[in-house]
Amino acid sequence: MINAAATESVADLAELRVRLWRELVLATQDHQHEWRRPVLATTCAEDGPQARTVVLREVDDRARALLVYADTR
């Protein structure tokens, strides 16, 4: 479930950024978090659109990087 603080109104974009990254970190720690398993999608001329559910494993706020795992199937 999303942290209640994340649903409060946000005064500026800097505060929004802080809250979003905080929520992403929480998603790596809470296996039931709604953001734990996002869907990533791509498209290409040969294969068309493809979507895959991934698992959010690590978040690096400073590098603005997310580490996700995907099943090979």
PDB file of N, CA and C in Angstrom:
ATOM      1  N   MET A   1       0.839  -1.181   0.000  1.00  0.00           N
ATOM      2  CA  MET A   1       0.000   0.000   0.000  1.00  0.00           C
ATOM      3  C   MET A   1       0.880   1.239   0.000  1.00  0.00           C
ATOM      4  N   ILE A   2       0.441   2.253  -0.696  1.00  0.00           N
ATOM      5  CA  ILE A   2       1.207   3.497  -0.788  1.00  0.00           C
ATOM      6  C   ILE A   2       1.184   4.216   0.545  1.00  0.00           C
ATOM      7  N   ASN A   3       2.340   4.720   0.923  1.00  0.00           N
ATOM      8  CA  ASN A   3       2.501   5.490   2.140  1.00  0.00           C
ATOM      9  C   ASN A   3       1.539   6.680   2.114  1.00  0.00           C
ATOM     10  N   ALA A   4       0.854   6.933   3.213  1.00  0.00           N
ATOM     11  CA  ALA A   4      -0.125   8.025   3.287  1.00  0.00           C
ATOM     12  C   ALA A   4       0.506   9.372   2.954  1.00  0.00           C
ATOM     13  N   ALA A   5       1.776   9.558   3.322  1.00  0.00           N
ATOM     14  CA  ALA A   5       2.448  10.828   3.037  1.00  0.00           C
ATOM     15  C   ALA A   5       2.569  11.063   1.537  1.00  0.00           C
ATOM     16  N   ALA A   6       2.617  10.008   0.760  1.00  0.00           N
ATOM     17  CA  ALA A   6       2.767  10.142  -0.683  1.00  0.00           C
ATOM     18  C   ALA A   6       1.499  10.658  -1.349  1.00  0.00           C
ATOM     19  N   THR A   7       0.359  10.538  -0.699  1.00  0.00           N
ATOM     20  CA  THR A   7      -0.895  10.979  -1.301  1.00  0.00           C
ATOM     21  C   THR A   7      -1.285  12.397  -0.904  1.00  0.00           C
ATOM     22  N   GLU A   8      -0.548  13.007  -0.001  1.00  0.00           N
ATOM     23  CA  GLU A   8      -0.833  14.392   0.389  1.00  0.00           C
ATOM     24  C   GLU A   8      -0.464  15.331  -0.756  1.00  0.00           C
ATOM     25  N   SER A   9      -1.056  16.519  -0.767  1.00  0.00           N
ATOM     26  CA  SER A   9      -0.727  17.471  -1.824  1.00  0.00           C
ATOM     27  C   SER A   9       0.732  17.904  -1.695  1.00  0.00           C
ATOM     28  N   VAL A  10       1.321  18.187  -2.832  1.00  0.00           N
ATOM     29  CA  VAL A  10       2.737  18.540  -2.893  1.00  0.00           C
ATOM     30  C   VAL A  10       2.855  19.992  -3.318  1.00  0.00           C
ATOM     31  N   ALA A  11       3.658  20.754  -2.584  1.00  0.00           N
ATOM     32  CA  ALA A  11       3.790  22.185  -2.831  1.00  0.00           C
ATOM     33  C   ALA A  11       4.676  22.496  -4.038  1.00  0.00           C
ATOM     34  N   ASP A  12       5.705  21.691  -4.283  1.00  0.00           N
ATOM     35  CA  ASP A  12       6.600  21.984  -5.398  1.00  0.00           C
ATOM     36  C   ASP A  12       7.196  20.701  -5.974  1.00  0.00           C
ATOM     37  N   LEU A  13       7.834  20.839  -7.118  1.00  0.00           N
ATOM     38  CA  LEU A  13       8.389  19.670  -7.800  1.00  0.00           C
ATOM     39  C   LEU A  13       9.528  19.019  -7.031  1.00  0.00           C
ATOM     40  N   ALA A  14      10.316  19.804  -6.311  1.00  0.00           N
ATOM     41  CA  ALA A  14      11.414  19.232  -5.531  1.00  0.00           C
ATOM     42  C   ALA A  14      10.877  18.297  -4.456  1.00  0.00           C
ATOM     43  N   GLU A  15       9.817  18.702  -3.796  1.00  0.00           N
ATOM     44  CA  GLU A  15       9.206  17.857  -2.778  1.00  0.00           C
ATOM     45  C   GLU A  15       8.589  16.612  -3.420  1.00  0.00           C
ATOM     46  N   LEU A  16       8.003  16.751  -4.573  1.00  0.00           N
ATOM     47  CA  LEU A  16       7.435  15.611  -5.286  1.00  0.00           C
ATOM     48  C   LEU A  16       8.525  14.589  -5.610  1.00  0.00           C
ATOM     49  N   ARG A  17       9.668  15.070  -6.090  1.00  0.00           N
ATOM     50  CA  ARG A  17      10.791  14.185  -6.404  1.00  0.00           C
ATOM     51  C   ARG A  17      11.227  13.406  -5.173  1.00  0.00           C
ATOM     52  N   VAL A  18      11.364  14.091  -4.050  1.00  0.00           N
ATOM     53  CA  VAL A  18      11.772  13.438  -2.810  1.00  0.00           C
ATOM     54  C   VAL A  18      10.768  12.358  -2.426  1.00  0.00           C
ATOM     55  N   ARG A  19       9.500  12.676  -2.501  1.00  0.00           N
ATOM     56  CA  ARG A  19       8.461  11.707  -2.118  1.00  0.00           C
ATOM     57  C   ARG A  19       8.419  10.507  -3.057  1.00  0.00           C
ATOM     58  N   LEU A  20       8.554  10.754  -4.348  1.00  0.00           N
ATOM     59  CA  LEU A  20       8.529   9.652  -5.307  1.00  0.00           C
ATOM     60  C   LEU A  20       9.690   8.689  -5.093  1.00  0.00           C
ATOM     61  N   TRP A  21      10.885   9.225  -4.923  1.00  0.00           N
ATOM     62  CA  TRP A  21      12.036   8.355  -4.702  1.00  0.00           C
ATOM     63  C   TRP A  21      11.940   7.640  -3.361  1.00  0.00           C
ATOM     64  N   ARG A  22      11.399   8.298  -2.353  1.00  0.00           N
ATOM     65  CA  ARG A  22      11.185   7.636  -1.061  1.00  0.00           C
ATOM     66  C   ARG A  22      10.229   6.463  -1.227  1.00  0.00           C
ATOM     67  N   GLU A  23       9.189   6.653  -2.000  1.00  0.00           N
ATOM     68  CA  GLU A  23       8.207   5.585  -2.235  1.00  0.00           C
ATOM     69  C   GLU A  23       8.833   4.436  -3.023  1.00  0.00           C
ATOM     70  N   LEU A  24       9.689   4.761  -3.976  1.00  0.00           N
ATOM     71  CA  LEU A  24      10.389   3.710  -4.718  1.00  0.00           C
ATOM     72  C   LEU A  24      11.287   2.888  -3.802  1.00  0.00           C
ATOM     73  N   VAL A  25      11.972   3.549  -2.881  1.00  0.00           N
ATOM     74  CA  VAL A  25      12.804   2.821  -1.910  1.00  0.00           C
ATOM     75  C   VAL A  25      11.928   1.900  -1.064  1.00  0.00           C
ATOM     76  N   LEU A  26      10.798   2.393  -0.603  1.00  0.00           N
ATOM     77  CA  LEU A  26       9.885   1.561   0.182  1.00  0.00           C
ATOM     78  C   LEU A  26       9.426   0.339  -0.608  1.00  0.00           C
ATOM     79  N   ALA A  27       9.235   0.513  -1.908  1.00  0.00           N
ATOM     80  CA  ALA A  27       8.790  -0.601  -2.745  1.00  0.00           C
ATOM     81  C   ALA A  27       9.830  -1.715  -2.815  1.00  0.00           C
ATOM     82  N   THR A  28      11.104  -1.375  -2.673  1.00  0.00           N
ATOM     83  CA  THR A  28      12.136  -2.412  -2.679  1.00  0.00           C
ATOM     84  C   THR A  28      12.156  -3.193  -1.371  1.00  0.00           C
ATOM     85  N   GLN A  29      11.612  -2.626  -0.318  1.00  0.00           N
ATOM     86  CA  GLN A  29      11.638  -3.252   1.003  1.00  0.00           C
ATOM     87  C   GLN A  29      10.355  -3.985   1.348  1.00  0.00           C
ATOM     88  N   ASP A  30       9.248  -3.573   0.768  1.00  0.00           N
ATOM     89  CA  ASP A  30       7.929  -4.138   1.081  1.00  0.00           C
ATOM     90  C   ASP A  30       7.444  -4.962  -0.112  1.00  0.00           C
ATOM     91  N   HIS A  31       7.409  -6.277   0.046  1.00  0.00           N
ATOM     92  CA  HIS A  31       7.022  -7.166  -1.053  1.00  0.00           C
ATOM     93  C   HIS A  31       5.568  -6.993  -1.481  1.00  0.00           C
ATOM     94  N   GLN A  32       4.745  -6.349  -0.674  1.00  0.00           N
ATOM     95  CA  GLN A  32       3.340  -6.119  -1.020  1.00  0.00           C
ATOM     96  C   GLN A  32       3.080  -4.717  -1.564  1.00  0.00           C
ATOM     97  N   HIS A  33       4.114  -3.909  -1.649  1.00  0.00           N
ATOM     98  CA  HIS A  33       3.971  -2.527  -2.125  1.00  0.00           C
ATOM     99  C   HIS A  33       3.453  -2.515  -3.561  1.00  0.00           C
ATOM    100  N   GLU A  34       2.555  -1.602  -3.876  1.00  0.00           N
ATOM    101  CA  GLU A  34       1.950  -1.515  -5.205  1.00  0.00           C
ATOM    102  C   GLU A  34       2.955  -1.194  -6.312  1.00  0.00           C
ATOM    103  N   TRP A  35       4.064  -0.593  -5.963  1.00  0.00           N
ATOM    104  CA  TRP A  35       5.062  -0.226  -6.960  1.00  0.00           C
ATOM    105  C   TRP A  35       6.148  -1.291  -7.104  1.00  0.00           C
ATOM    106  N   ARG A  36       6.068  -2.377  -6.406  1.00  0.00           N
ATOM    107  CA  ARG A  36       7.104  -3.420  -6.400  1.00  0.00           C
ATOM    108  C   ARG A  36       7.230  -4.114  -7.763  1.00  0.00           C
ATOM    109  N   ARG A  37       6.115  -4.289  -8.464  1.00  0.00           N
ATOM    110  CA  ARG A  37       6.111  -5.028  -9.725  1.00  0.00           C
ATOM    111  C   ARG A  37       5.533  -4.175 -10.862  1.00  0.00           C
ATOM    112  N   PRO A  38       6.317  -3.224 -11.372  1.00  0.00           N
ATOM    113  CA  PRO A  38       5.815  -2.408 -12.486  1.00  0.00           C
ATOM    114  C   PRO A  38       5.878  -3.176 -13.802  1.00  0.00           C
ATOM    115  N   VAL A  39       5.231  -2.642 -14.812  1.00  0.00           N
ATOM    116  CA  VAL A  39       5.277  -3.211 -16.155  1.00  0.00           C
ATOM    117  C   VAL A  39       6.089  -2.260 -17.038  1.00  0.00           C
ATOM    118  N   LEU A  40       7.094  -2.814 -17.718  1.00  0.00           N
ATOM    119  CA  LEU A  40       7.877  -2.037 -18.670  1.00  0.00           C
ATOM    120  C   LEU A  40       7.490  -2.484 -20.068  1.00  0.00           C
ATOM    121  N   ALA A  41       7.370  -1.545 -20.975  1.00  0.00           N
ATOM    122  CA  ALA A  41       6.959  -1.869 -22.339  1.00  0.00           C
ATOM    123  C   ALA A  41       7.910  -1.237 -23.347  1.00  0.00           C
ATOM    124  N   THR A  42       8.093  -1.952 -24.455  1.00  0.00           N
ATOM    125  CA  THR A  42       8.897  -1.464 -25.566  1.00  0.00           C
ATOM    126  C   THR A  42       8.141  -1.753 -26.854  1.00  0.00           C
ATOM    127  N   THR A  43       8.616  -1.166 -27.930  1.00  0.00           N
ATOM    128  CA  THR A  43       8.039  -1.467 -29.237  1.00  0.00           C
ATOM    129  C   THR A  43       9.151  -1.406 -30.276  1.00  0.00           C
ATOM    130  N   CYS A  44       9.031  -2.236 -31.284  1.00  0.00           N
ATOM    131  CA  CYS A  44       9.977  -2.189 -32.403  1.00  0.00           C
ATOM    132  C   CYS A  44       9.235  -2.605 -33.673  1.00  0.00           C
ATOM    133  N   ALA A  45       9.789  -2.247 -34.821  1.00  0.00           N
ATOM    134  CA  ALA A  45       9.129  -2.500 -36.102  1.00  0.00           C
ATOM    135  C   ALA A  45       8.954  -3.997 -36.372  1.00  0.00           C
ATOM    136  N   GLU A  46       9.923  -4.806 -35.968  1.00  0.00           N
ATOM    137  CA  GLU A  46       9.857  -6.242 -36.252  1.00  0.00           C
ATOM    138  C   GLU A  46       8.866  -6.987 -35.362  1.00  0.00           C
ATOM    139  N   ASP A  47       8.892  -6.718 -34.066  1.00  0.00           N
ATOM    140  CA  ASP A  47       8.095  -7.495 -33.104  1.00  0.00           C
ATOM    141  C   ASP A  47       6.882  -6.755 -32.556  1.00  0.00           C
ATOM    142  N   GLY A  48       6.774  -5.469 -32.857  1.00  0.00           N
ATOM    143  CA  GLY A  48       5.657  -4.694 -32.325  1.00  0.00           C
ATOM    144  C   GLY A  48       5.822  -4.440 -30.827  1.00  0.00           C
ATOM    145  N   PRO A  49       4.737  -4.098 -30.150  1.00  0.00           N
ATOM    146  CA  PRO A  49       4.823  -3.791 -28.725  1.00  0.00           C
ATOM    147  C   PRO A  49       4.978  -5.065 -27.883  1.00  0.00           C
ATOM    148  N   GLN A  50       5.750  -4.947 -26.823  1.00  0.00           N
ATOM    149  CA  GLN A  50       5.916  -6.037 -25.870  1.00  0.00           C
ATOM    150  C   GLN A  50       5.950  -5.431 -24.473  1.00  0.00           C
ATOM    151  N   ALA A  51       5.305  -6.098 -23.535  1.00  0.00           N
ATOM    152  CA  ALA A  51       5.276  -5.625 -22.139  1.00  0.00           C
ATOM    153  C   ALA A  51       5.707  -6.767 -21.238  1.00  0.00           C
ATOM    154  N   ARG A  52       6.375  -6.411 -20.168  1.00  0.00           N
ATOM    155  CA  ARG A  52       6.883  -7.401 -19.230  1.00  0.00           C
ATOM    156  C   ARG A  52       6.775  -6.857 -17.814  1.00  0.00           C
ATOM    157  N   THR A  53       6.283  -7.694 -16.925  1.00  0.00           N
ATOM    158  CA  THR A  53       6.278  -7.341 -15.509  1.00  0.00           C
ATOM    159  C   THR A  53       7.673  -7.586 -14.960  1.00  0.00           C
ATOM    160  N   VAL A  54       8.203  -6.612 -14.240  1.00  0.00           N
ATOM    161  CA  VAL A  54       9.530  -6.730 -13.630  1.00  0.00           C
ATOM    162  C   VAL A  54       9.389  -6.554 -12.130  1.00  0.00           C
ATOM    163  N   VAL A  55      10.452  -6.867 -11.406  1.00  0.00           N
ATOM    164  CA  VAL A  55      10.462  -6.703  -9.957  1.00  0.00           C
ATOM    165  C   VAL A  55      11.488  -5.635  -9.608  1.00  0.00           C
ATOM    166  N   LEU A  56      11.050  -4.615  -8.887  1.00  0.00           N
ATOM    167  CA  LEU A  56      11.942  -3.539  -8.454  1.00  0.00           C
ATOM    168  C   LEU A  56      12.793  -4.047  -7.297  1.00  0.00           C
ATOM    169  N   ARG A  57      14.111  -4.092  -7.480  1.00  0.00           N
ATOM    170  CA  ARG A  57      15.011  -4.645  -6.461  1.00  0.00           C
ATOM    171  C   ARG A  57      15.840  -3.594  -5.736  1.00  0.00           C
ATOM    172  N   GLU A  58      16.333  -2.602  -6.464  1.00  0.00           N
ATOM    173  CA  GLU A  58      17.180  -1.578  -5.836  1.00  0.00           C
ATOM    174  C   GLU A  58      16.868  -0.219  -6.440  1.00  0.00           C
ATOM    175  N   VAL A  59      17.075   0.807  -5.633  1.00  0.00           N
ATOM    176  CA  VAL A  59      16.868   2.185  -6.063  1.00  0.00           C
ATOM    177  C   VAL A  59      18.081   2.997  -5.644  1.00  0.00           C
ATOM    178  N   ASP A  60      18.636   3.772  -6.566  1.00  0.00           N
ATOM    179  CA  ASP A  60      19.741   4.675  -6.261  1.00  0.00           C
ATOM    180  C   ASP A  60      19.273   6.087  -6.596  1.00  0.00           C
ATOM    181  N   ASP A  61      18.840   6.809  -5.574  1.00  0.00           N
ATOM    182  CA  ASP A  61      18.297   8.153  -5.757  1.00  0.00           C
ATOM    183  C   ASP A  61      19.327   9.091  -6.374  1.00  0.00           C
ATOM    184  N   ARG A  62      20.559   9.052  -5.894  1.00  0.00           N
ATOM    185  CA  ARG A  62      21.576   9.971  -6.390  1.00  0.00           C
ATOM    186  C   ARG A  62      21.873   9.758  -7.873  1.00  0.00           C
ATOM    187  N   ALA A  63      21.937   8.509  -8.306  1.00  0.00           N
ATOM    188  CA  ALA A  63      22.221   8.198  -9.706  1.00  0.00           C
ATOM    189  C   ALA A  63      20.952   8.185 -10.551  1.00  0.00           C
ATOM    190  N   ARG A  64      19.795   8.304  -9.919  1.00  0.00           N
ATOM    191  CA  ARG A  64      18.491   8.209 -10.591  1.00  0.00           C
ATOM    192  C   ARG A  64      18.402   6.885 -11.361  1.00  0.00           C
ATOM    193  N   ALA A  65      18.758   5.817 -10.657  1.00  0.00           N
ATOM    194  CA  ALA A  65      18.799   4.497 -11.292  1.00  0.00           C
ATOM    195  C   ALA A  65      17.903   3.509 -10.544  1.00  0.00           C
ATOM    196  N   LEU A  66      17.251   2.659 -11.321  1.00  0.00           N
ATOM    197  CA  LEU A  66      16.436   1.586 -10.771  1.00  0.00           C
ATOM    198  C   LEU A  66      17.016   0.264 -11.252  1.00  0.00           C
ATOM    199  N   LEU A  67      17.118  -0.709 -10.372  1.00  0.00           N
ATOM    200  CA  LEU A  67      17.533  -2.047 -10.748  1.00  0.00           C
ATOM    201  C   LEU A  67      16.295  -2.929 -10.690  1.00  0.00           C
ATOM    202  N   VAL A  68      15.949  -3.508 -11.841  1.00  0.00           N
ATOM    203  CA  VAL A  68      14.778  -4.373 -11.912  1.00  0.00           C
ATOM    204  C   VAL A  68      15.202  -5.742 -12.414  1.00  0.00           C
ATOM    205  N   TYR A  69      14.488  -6.772 -11.964  1.00  0.00           N
ATOM    206  CA  TYR A  69      14.719  -8.135 -12.430  1.00  0.00           C
ATOM    207  C   TYR A  69      13.532  -8.552 -13.276  1.00  0.00           C
ATOM    208  N   ALA A  70      13.812  -9.350 -14.296  1.00  0.00           N
ATOM    209  CA  ALA A  70      12.769  -9.894 -15.146  1.00  0.00           C
ATOM    210  C   ALA A  70      12.984 -11.394 -15.303  1.00  0.00           C
ATOM    211  N   ASP A  71      11.914 -12.111 -15.450  1.00  0.00           N
ATOM    212  CA  ASP A  71      11.967 -13.537 -15.704  1.00  0.00           C
ATOM    213  C   ASP A  71      12.347 -13.753 -17.167  1.00  0.00           C
ATOM    214  N   THR A  72      13.135 -14.762 -17.467  1.00  0.00           N
ATOM    215  CA  THR A  72      13.573 -14.994 -18.849  1.00  0.00           C
ATOM    216  C   THR A  72      12.457 -15.504 -19.735  1.00  0.00           C
ATOM    217  N   ARG A  73      11.353 -15.949 -19.134  1.00  0.00           N
ATOM    218  CA  ARG A  73      10.236 -16.406 -19.973  1.00  0.00           C
ATOM    219  C   ARG A  73       9.623 -15.233 -20.685  1.00  0.00           C
TER     220      ARG A  73
END
